[in-house]
């Protein structure tokens, strides 16, 4: 009884620190998938407020620190494959170690098996969750909220 009361007290007293994340669609070359960033009528619409293709939105603006299109962004959206494996940040920042645009980083190097730029690794056009597969699902894009 005392233990359950302490647990209840601890859960009430602790502040909520968990943040909800924004699902922004899938980084995919498939123009017909509704959640694909290549679909101009789906998640890739430049009118969608959370689209990475919206130049005025939080995740597509060249000036937002959370944008995939800002070459200086440090809080760009994250990429995850279908198994939940982290695949780096969808960023045009070539200096961010987690950016898919860093040619020397784990997620941007064309030689790294974890990179979407490696046609024999995570970027293989034959993998169903590869962003380079024109018939696949692509990688989930998650923005920090």
N, C-alpha and C. Protein backbone atom coordinates (compact mmCIF):
# COMPACT_ATOMS: atom_id res chain seq x y z
N UNK A 1 0.83 -1.19 0.00
CA UNK A 1 0.00 0.00 0.00
C UNK A 1 0.87 1.25 0.00
N UNK A 2 1.89 1.28 0.85
CA UNK A 2 2.77 2.43 0.95
C UNK A 2 3.57 2.60 -0.36
N UNK A 3 3.98 1.48 -0.94
CA UNK A 3 4.76 1.53 -2.18
C UNK A 3 3.91 2.10 -3.32
N UNK A 4 2.67 1.65 -3.43
CA UNK A 4 1.81 2.16 -4.49
C UNK A 4 1.48 3.64 -4.28
N UNK A 5 1.37 4.07 -3.02
CA UNK A 5 1.13 5.49 -2.74
C UNK A 5 2.34 6.32 -3.13
N UNK A 6 3.55 5.80 -2.89
CA UNK A 6 4.77 6.53 -3.27
C UNK A 6 4.90 6.62 -4.79
N UNK A 7 4.57 5.54 -5.47
CA UNK A 7 4.62 5.55 -6.93
C UNK A 7 3.62 6.56 -7.49
N UNK A 8 2.42 6.58 -6.95
CA UNK A 8 1.41 7.53 -7.38
C UNK A 8 1.86 8.95 -7.12
N UNK A 9 2.43 9.20 -5.97
CA UNK A 9 2.93 10.53 -5.62
C UNK A 9 4.06 10.95 -6.56
N UNK A 10 4.95 10.02 -6.89
CA UNK A 10 6.07 10.33 -7.77
C UNK A 10 5.60 10.65 -9.18
N UNK A 11 4.58 9.95 -9.67
CA UNK A 11 4.09 10.21 -11.01
C UNK A 11 3.34 11.54 -11.09
N UNK A 12 2.71 11.94 -10.01
CA UNK A 12 2.00 13.22 -10.00
C UNK A 12 2.99 14.36 -9.86
N UNK A 13 4.04 14.18 -9.08
CA UNK A 13 4.99 15.25 -8.81
C UNK A 13 5.96 15.50 -9.96
N UNK A 14 6.22 14.49 -10.79
CA UNK A 14 7.16 14.68 -11.88
C UNK A 14 6.52 15.48 -13.02
N UNK A 15 7.25 16.43 -13.56
CA UNK A 15 6.71 17.19 -14.69
C UNK A 15 6.72 16.32 -15.95
N UNK A 16 5.82 16.59 -16.83
CA UNK A 16 5.73 15.86 -18.07
C UNK A 16 6.79 16.42 -19.02
N UNK A 17 7.73 15.58 -19.41
CA UNK A 17 8.81 16.03 -20.28
C UNK A 17 8.72 15.42 -21.67
N UNK A 18 7.86 14.44 -21.86
CA UNK A 18 7.75 13.81 -23.17
C UNK A 18 7.11 14.78 -24.15
N UNK A 19 7.66 14.82 -25.36
CA UNK A 19 7.13 15.70 -26.39
C UNK A 19 6.54 14.87 -27.51
N UNK A 20 5.48 15.38 -28.07
CA UNK A 20 4.89 14.72 -29.22
C UNK A 20 5.69 15.14 -30.45
N UNK A 21 5.86 14.23 -31.38
CA UNK A 21 6.59 14.52 -32.60
C UNK A 21 5.62 14.66 -33.75
N UNK A 22 5.98 15.47 -34.73
CA UNK A 22 5.16 15.69 -35.92
C UNK A 22 5.56 14.69 -36.99
N UNK A 23 4.57 13.94 -37.49
CA UNK A 23 4.82 13.06 -38.64
C UNK A 23 4.65 13.93 -39.88
N UNK A 24 5.69 14.02 -40.71
CA UNK A 24 5.69 14.92 -41.86
C UNK A 24 5.49 14.20 -43.19
N UNK A 25 5.37 12.90 -43.16
CA UNK A 25 5.22 12.14 -44.39
C UNK A 25 6.40 11.20 -44.56
N UNK A 26 6.57 10.68 -45.77
CA UNK A 26 7.66 9.76 -46.06
C UNK A 26 8.56 10.34 -47.14
N UNK A 27 9.86 10.27 -46.91
CA UNK A 27 10.82 10.65 -47.94
C UNK A 27 10.84 9.50 -48.93
N UNK A 28 10.25 9.73 -50.09
CA UNK A 28 10.06 8.66 -51.06
C UNK A 28 10.05 9.24 -52.47
N UNK A 29 10.50 8.42 -53.41
CA UNK A 29 10.46 8.80 -54.82
C UNK A 29 9.13 8.42 -55.47
N UNK A 30 8.24 7.80 -54.72
CA UNK A 30 6.96 7.34 -55.23
C UNK A 30 5.97 8.50 -55.32
N UNK A 31 5.64 8.96 -56.52
CA UNK A 31 4.73 10.11 -56.65
C UNK A 31 3.26 9.77 -56.42
N UNK A 32 2.94 8.48 -56.28
CA UNK A 32 1.54 8.07 -56.12
C UNK A 32 1.15 7.74 -54.67
N UNK A 33 2.14 7.55 -53.82
CA UNK A 33 1.85 7.27 -52.41
C UNK A 33 1.36 8.55 -51.74
N UNK A 34 0.24 8.50 -51.02
CA UNK A 34 -0.31 9.74 -50.43
C UNK A 34 0.60 10.39 -49.40
N UNK A 35 1.44 9.61 -48.71
CA UNK A 35 2.33 10.17 -47.70
C UNK A 35 3.72 10.50 -48.22
N UNK A 36 3.91 10.39 -49.52
CA UNK A 36 5.22 10.62 -50.13
C UNK A 36 5.47 12.12 -50.33
N UNK A 37 6.72 12.52 -50.09
CA UNK A 37 7.09 13.91 -50.35
C UNK A 37 7.20 14.18 -51.85
N UNK A 38 7.21 13.14 -52.66
CA UNK A 38 7.23 13.30 -54.11
C UNK A 38 5.82 13.48 -54.68
N UNK A 39 4.78 13.33 -53.86
CA UNK A 39 3.40 13.49 -54.30
C UNK A 39 2.98 14.95 -54.09
N UNK A 40 2.79 15.71 -55.16
CA UNK A 40 2.45 17.13 -55.00
C UNK A 40 1.05 17.37 -54.45
N UNK A 41 0.25 16.32 -54.36
CA UNK A 41 -1.11 16.45 -53.81
C UNK A 41 -1.24 15.80 -52.44
N UNK A 42 -0.17 15.21 -51.96
CA UNK A 42 -0.17 14.55 -50.65
C UNK A 42 0.77 15.26 -49.71
N UNK A 43 1.64 14.51 -49.05
CA UNK A 43 2.58 15.07 -48.08
C UNK A 43 3.60 15.99 -48.73
N UNK A 44 3.76 15.90 -50.04
CA UNK A 44 4.71 16.74 -50.74
C UNK A 44 4.14 18.05 -51.24
N UNK A 45 2.90 18.33 -50.90
CA UNK A 45 2.26 19.57 -51.35
C UNK A 45 2.98 20.80 -50.80
N UNK A 46 3.23 21.76 -51.63
CA UNK A 46 3.89 22.98 -51.15
C UNK A 46 2.94 23.88 -50.37
N UNK A 47 1.67 23.50 -50.33
CA UNK A 47 0.68 24.26 -49.55
C UNK A 47 0.41 23.64 -48.18
N UNK A 48 0.93 22.44 -47.96
CA UNK A 48 0.78 21.77 -46.67
C UNK A 48 1.69 22.48 -45.66
N UNK A 49 1.13 22.89 -44.54
CA UNK A 49 1.89 23.66 -43.54
C UNK A 49 3.10 22.89 -43.02
N UNK A 50 3.01 21.56 -42.92
CA UNK A 50 4.12 20.76 -42.39
C UNK A 50 4.95 20.07 -43.46
N UNK A 51 4.80 20.47 -44.70
CA UNK A 51 5.54 19.84 -45.78
C UNK A 51 6.97 20.37 -45.85
N UNK A 52 7.90 19.49 -46.18
CA UNK A 52 9.28 19.93 -46.37
C UNK A 52 9.41 20.69 -47.70
N UNK A 53 8.36 20.67 -48.52
CA UNK A 53 8.36 21.37 -49.79
C UNK A 53 7.71 22.75 -49.71
N UNK A 54 7.21 23.13 -48.53
CA UNK A 54 6.57 24.44 -48.35
C UNK A 54 7.66 25.45 -47.98
N UNK A 55 7.98 26.39 -48.89
CA UNK A 55 9.06 27.34 -48.61
C UNK A 55 8.74 28.34 -47.50
N UNK A 56 7.49 28.39 -47.06
CA UNK A 56 7.11 29.31 -45.99
C UNK A 56 6.81 28.57 -44.69
N UNK A 57 6.88 27.26 -44.70
CA UNK A 57 6.55 26.46 -43.53
C UNK A 57 7.76 26.21 -42.64
N UNK A 58 7.47 25.68 -41.51
CA UNK A 58 8.47 25.40 -40.47
C UNK A 58 9.53 24.40 -40.92
N UNK A 59 9.12 23.42 -41.71
CA UNK A 59 10.04 22.36 -42.11
C UNK A 59 10.58 22.50 -43.54
N UNK A 60 10.14 23.53 -44.26
CA UNK A 60 10.60 23.72 -45.63
C UNK A 60 11.24 25.06 -45.90
N UNK A 61 11.13 25.98 -44.97
CA UNK A 61 11.69 27.32 -45.14
C UNK A 61 13.22 27.29 -45.16
N UNK A 62 13.83 28.08 -46.01
CA UNK A 62 15.30 28.14 -45.99
C UNK A 62 15.85 28.90 -44.79
N UNK A 63 14.97 29.44 -43.94
CA UNK A 63 15.41 30.22 -42.78
C UNK A 63 15.10 29.56 -41.44
N UNK A 64 14.27 28.54 -41.43
CA UNK A 64 13.90 27.88 -40.19
C UNK A 64 15.00 26.92 -39.73
N UNK A 65 15.28 26.90 -38.43
CA UNK A 65 16.28 26.00 -37.88
C UNK A 65 15.79 24.55 -37.90
N UNK A 66 14.50 24.33 -38.13
CA UNK A 66 13.93 22.98 -38.19
C UNK A 66 13.67 22.52 -39.62
N UNK A 67 14.19 23.24 -40.57
CA UNK A 67 13.91 22.97 -41.98
C UNK A 67 14.89 22.00 -42.61
N UNK A 68 14.39 21.23 -43.54
CA UNK A 68 15.24 20.34 -44.32
C UNK A 68 16.01 21.13 -45.39
N UNK A 69 15.57 22.35 -45.66
CA UNK A 69 16.16 23.15 -46.74
C UNK A 69 17.06 24.28 -46.27
N UNK A 70 17.32 24.37 -44.98
CA UNK A 70 18.21 25.39 -44.45
C UNK A 70 19.60 24.79 -44.32
N UNK A 71 20.60 25.30 -45.05
CA UNK A 71 21.94 24.70 -44.98
C UNK A 71 22.66 24.91 -43.66
N UNK A 72 22.04 25.65 -42.74
CA UNK A 72 22.63 25.87 -41.42
C UNK A 72 21.78 25.28 -40.30
N UNK A 73 20.72 24.59 -40.64
CA UNK A 73 19.80 24.04 -39.64
C UNK A 73 20.48 22.99 -38.77
N UNK A 74 20.14 23.01 -37.49
CA UNK A 74 20.69 22.02 -36.56
C UNK A 74 19.59 21.14 -35.96
N UNK A 75 18.34 21.48 -36.19
CA UNK A 75 17.21 20.71 -35.66
C UNK A 75 16.31 20.22 -36.80
N UNK A 76 16.90 19.77 -37.89
CA UNK A 76 16.14 19.30 -39.05
C UNK A 76 15.36 18.04 -38.71
N UNK A 77 14.34 17.70 -39.51
CA UNK A 77 13.55 16.49 -39.25
C UNK A 77 14.41 15.22 -39.29
N UNK A 78 13.97 14.22 -38.53
CA UNK A 78 14.69 12.94 -38.45
C UNK A 78 14.06 11.92 -39.39
N UNK A 79 14.87 10.99 -39.85
CA UNK A 79 14.41 9.92 -40.74
C UNK A 79 14.48 8.58 -40.02
N UNK A 80 13.44 7.76 -40.23
CA UNK A 80 13.38 6.41 -39.65
C UNK A 80 12.91 5.43 -40.72
N UNK A 81 13.51 4.24 -40.74
CA UNK A 81 13.07 3.23 -41.69
C UNK A 81 11.87 2.46 -41.13
N UNK A 82 11.40 1.46 -41.85
CA UNK A 82 10.20 0.72 -41.45
C UNK A 82 10.40 -0.10 -40.18
N UNK A 83 11.65 -0.40 -39.81
CA UNK A 83 11.91 -1.14 -38.58
C UNK A 83 12.15 -0.20 -37.40
N UNK A 84 12.07 1.10 -37.62
CA UNK A 84 12.28 2.08 -36.56
C UNK A 84 13.73 2.49 -36.38
N UNK A 85 14.61 2.06 -37.28
CA UNK A 85 16.02 2.44 -37.20
C UNK A 85 16.20 3.89 -37.64
N UNK A 86 16.98 4.62 -36.88
CA UNK A 86 17.28 6.02 -37.17
C UNK A 86 18.18 6.09 -38.40
N UNK A 87 17.86 6.95 -39.37
CA UNK A 87 18.64 7.08 -40.60
C UNK A 87 19.21 8.48 -40.81
N UNK A 88 19.28 9.27 -39.73
CA UNK A 88 19.89 10.60 -39.82
C UNK A 88 18.86 11.70 -39.91
N UNK A 89 19.35 12.90 -40.10
CA UNK A 89 18.49 14.09 -40.23
C UNK A 89 18.37 14.47 -41.69
N UNK A 90 17.14 14.77 -42.09
CA UNK A 90 16.88 15.22 -43.45
C UNK A 90 17.26 16.70 -43.49
N UNK A 91 18.50 16.96 -43.81
CA UNK A 91 19.05 18.30 -43.73
C UNK A 91 19.97 18.57 -44.91
N UNK A 92 20.01 19.82 -45.33
CA UNK A 92 20.95 20.20 -46.37
C UNK A 92 22.24 20.75 -45.77
N UNK A 93 22.39 20.63 -44.46
CA UNK A 93 23.58 21.10 -43.76
C UNK A 93 24.72 20.10 -43.95
N UNK A 94 25.76 20.46 -44.71
CA UNK A 94 26.85 19.51 -44.97
C UNK A 94 27.81 19.33 -43.80
N UNK A 95 27.64 20.13 -42.73
CA UNK A 95 28.54 20.06 -41.59
C UNK A 95 27.94 19.34 -40.38
N UNK A 96 26.64 19.14 -40.40
CA UNK A 96 25.98 18.43 -39.29
C UNK A 96 26.37 16.95 -39.38
N UNK A 97 26.92 16.37 -38.30
CA UNK A 97 27.35 14.96 -38.36
C UNK A 97 26.22 13.98 -38.63
N UNK A 98 24.96 14.35 -38.33
CA UNK A 98 23.83 13.46 -38.55
C UNK A 98 23.08 13.74 -39.85
N UNK A 99 23.52 14.72 -40.61
CA UNK A 99 22.84 15.13 -41.84
C UNK A 99 23.05 14.12 -42.96
N UNK A 100 22.02 13.93 -43.78
CA UNK A 100 22.15 13.07 -44.95
C UNK A 100 22.93 13.78 -46.06
N UNK A 101 23.22 15.06 -45.85
CA UNK A 101 23.99 15.84 -46.82
C UNK A 101 25.46 15.95 -46.47
N UNK A 102 25.86 15.36 -45.37
CA UNK A 102 27.27 15.38 -44.97
C UNK A 102 27.98 14.22 -45.66
N UNK A 103 28.83 14.49 -46.65
CA UNK A 103 29.44 13.40 -47.42
C UNK A 103 30.44 12.57 -46.62
N UNK A 104 30.81 13.03 -45.41
CA UNK A 104 31.75 12.28 -44.59
C UNK A 104 31.09 11.66 -43.36
N UNK A 105 29.81 11.94 -43.18
CA UNK A 105 29.09 11.44 -42.01
C UNK A 105 28.48 10.06 -42.24
N UNK A 106 28.05 9.47 -41.15
CA UNK A 106 27.48 8.12 -41.18
C UNK A 106 26.22 8.04 -42.05
N UNK A 107 25.42 9.09 -42.06
CA UNK A 107 24.14 9.05 -42.76
C UNK A 107 24.18 9.72 -44.14
N UNK A 108 25.31 10.32 -44.49
CA UNK A 108 25.42 10.99 -45.78
C UNK A 108 26.47 10.43 -46.71
N UNK A 109 27.39 9.66 -46.17
CA UNK A 109 28.47 9.11 -46.98
C UNK A 109 27.95 8.07 -47.97
N UNK A 110 28.41 8.13 -49.21
CA UNK A 110 27.98 7.11 -50.18
C UNK A 110 28.57 5.73 -49.90
N UNK A 111 29.44 5.62 -48.90
CA UNK A 111 30.07 4.34 -48.57
C UNK A 111 29.53 3.72 -47.28
N UNK A 112 28.74 4.48 -46.53
CA UNK A 112 28.21 3.98 -45.26
C UNK A 112 26.97 3.12 -45.50
N UNK A 113 26.86 1.97 -44.85
CA UNK A 113 25.67 1.13 -45.03
C UNK A 113 24.40 1.77 -44.46
N UNK A 114 24.55 2.76 -43.57
CA UNK A 114 23.41 3.44 -42.97
C UNK A 114 22.95 4.66 -43.76
N UNK A 115 23.64 4.98 -44.83
CA UNK A 115 23.36 6.19 -45.60
C UNK A 115 22.33 5.95 -46.70
N UNK A 116 21.44 6.94 -46.86
CA UNK A 116 20.48 6.86 -47.96
C UNK A 116 21.14 7.19 -49.29
N UNK A 117 22.38 7.65 -49.25
CA UNK A 117 23.14 7.97 -50.46
C UNK A 117 23.96 6.78 -50.96
N UNK A 118 23.88 5.65 -50.26
CA UNK A 118 24.59 4.45 -50.65
C UNK A 118 23.63 3.54 -51.41
N UNK A 119 23.83 3.35 -52.73
CA UNK A 119 22.90 2.53 -53.51
C UNK A 119 22.94 1.04 -53.17
N UNK A 120 23.90 0.63 -52.34
CA UNK A 120 24.00 -0.77 -51.93
C UNK A 120 23.63 -0.95 -50.46
N UNK A 121 23.31 0.14 -49.79
CA UNK A 121 22.94 0.10 -48.37
C UNK A 121 21.50 0.56 -48.18
N UNK A 122 21.32 1.50 -47.28
CA UNK A 122 19.98 2.01 -46.96
C UNK A 122 19.33 2.72 -48.15
N UNK A 123 20.12 3.17 -49.10
CA UNK A 123 19.59 3.88 -50.26
C UNK A 123 19.36 3.00 -51.48
N UNK A 124 19.37 1.70 -51.31
CA UNK A 124 19.18 0.78 -52.43
C UNK A 124 17.80 0.98 -53.07
N UNK A 125 17.75 1.11 -54.38
CA UNK A 125 16.45 1.29 -55.05
C UNK A 125 15.57 0.04 -55.02
N UNK A 126 16.07 -1.05 -54.46
CA UNK A 126 15.31 -2.29 -54.39
C UNK A 126 14.70 -2.55 -53.01
N UNK A 127 15.11 -1.76 -52.02
CA UNK A 127 14.54 -1.91 -50.68
C UNK A 127 13.18 -1.20 -50.63
N UNK A 128 12.17 -1.83 -50.03
CA UNK A 128 10.84 -1.21 -50.00
C UNK A 128 10.77 0.09 -49.21
N UNK A 129 11.66 0.28 -48.23
CA UNK A 129 11.61 1.51 -47.45
C UNK A 129 12.71 2.50 -47.85
N UNK A 130 13.35 2.27 -48.99
CA UNK A 130 14.37 3.20 -49.48
C UNK A 130 13.71 4.42 -50.11
N UNK A 131 14.25 5.60 -49.86
CA UNK A 131 13.70 6.79 -50.51
C UNK A 131 13.97 6.83 -52.01
N UNK A 132 14.83 5.95 -52.49
CA UNK A 132 15.18 5.90 -53.91
C UNK A 132 14.38 4.88 -54.69
N UNK A 133 13.48 4.15 -54.04
CA UNK A 133 12.64 3.16 -54.71
C UNK A 133 11.38 3.87 -55.22
N UNK A 134 11.19 3.94 -56.54
CA UNK A 134 10.02 4.67 -57.07
C UNK A 134 8.68 4.01 -56.79
N UNK A 135 8.71 2.78 -56.27
CA UNK A 135 7.46 2.08 -55.95
C UNK A 135 7.35 1.77 -54.46
N UNK A 136 8.32 2.23 -53.68
CA UNK A 136 8.37 1.91 -52.25
C UNK A 136 7.67 2.91 -51.37
N UNK A 137 7.78 2.66 -50.07
CA UNK A 137 7.15 3.52 -49.07
C UNK A 137 8.06 4.64 -48.61
N UNK A 138 9.35 4.46 -48.66
CA UNK A 138 10.31 5.47 -48.22
C UNK A 138 10.52 5.46 -46.72
N UNK A 139 11.20 6.49 -46.24
CA UNK A 139 11.53 6.64 -44.83
C UNK A 139 10.59 7.63 -44.18
N UNK A 140 10.17 7.33 -42.93
CA UNK A 140 9.29 8.25 -42.20
C UNK A 140 10.09 9.50 -41.81
N UNK A 141 9.47 10.66 -41.97
CA UNK A 141 10.07 11.93 -41.58
C UNK A 141 9.38 12.41 -40.33
N UNK A 142 10.15 12.62 -39.27
CA UNK A 142 9.60 13.05 -38.00
C UNK A 142 10.23 14.37 -37.60
N UNK A 143 9.39 15.37 -37.36
CA UNK A 143 9.86 16.66 -36.89
C UNK A 143 9.65 16.78 -35.40
N UNK A 144 10.60 17.39 -34.73
CA UNK A 144 10.48 17.61 -33.29
C UNK A 144 9.42 18.67 -33.04
N UNK A 145 8.56 18.38 -32.09
CA UNK A 145 7.51 19.35 -31.77
C UNK A 145 7.89 20.18 -30.59
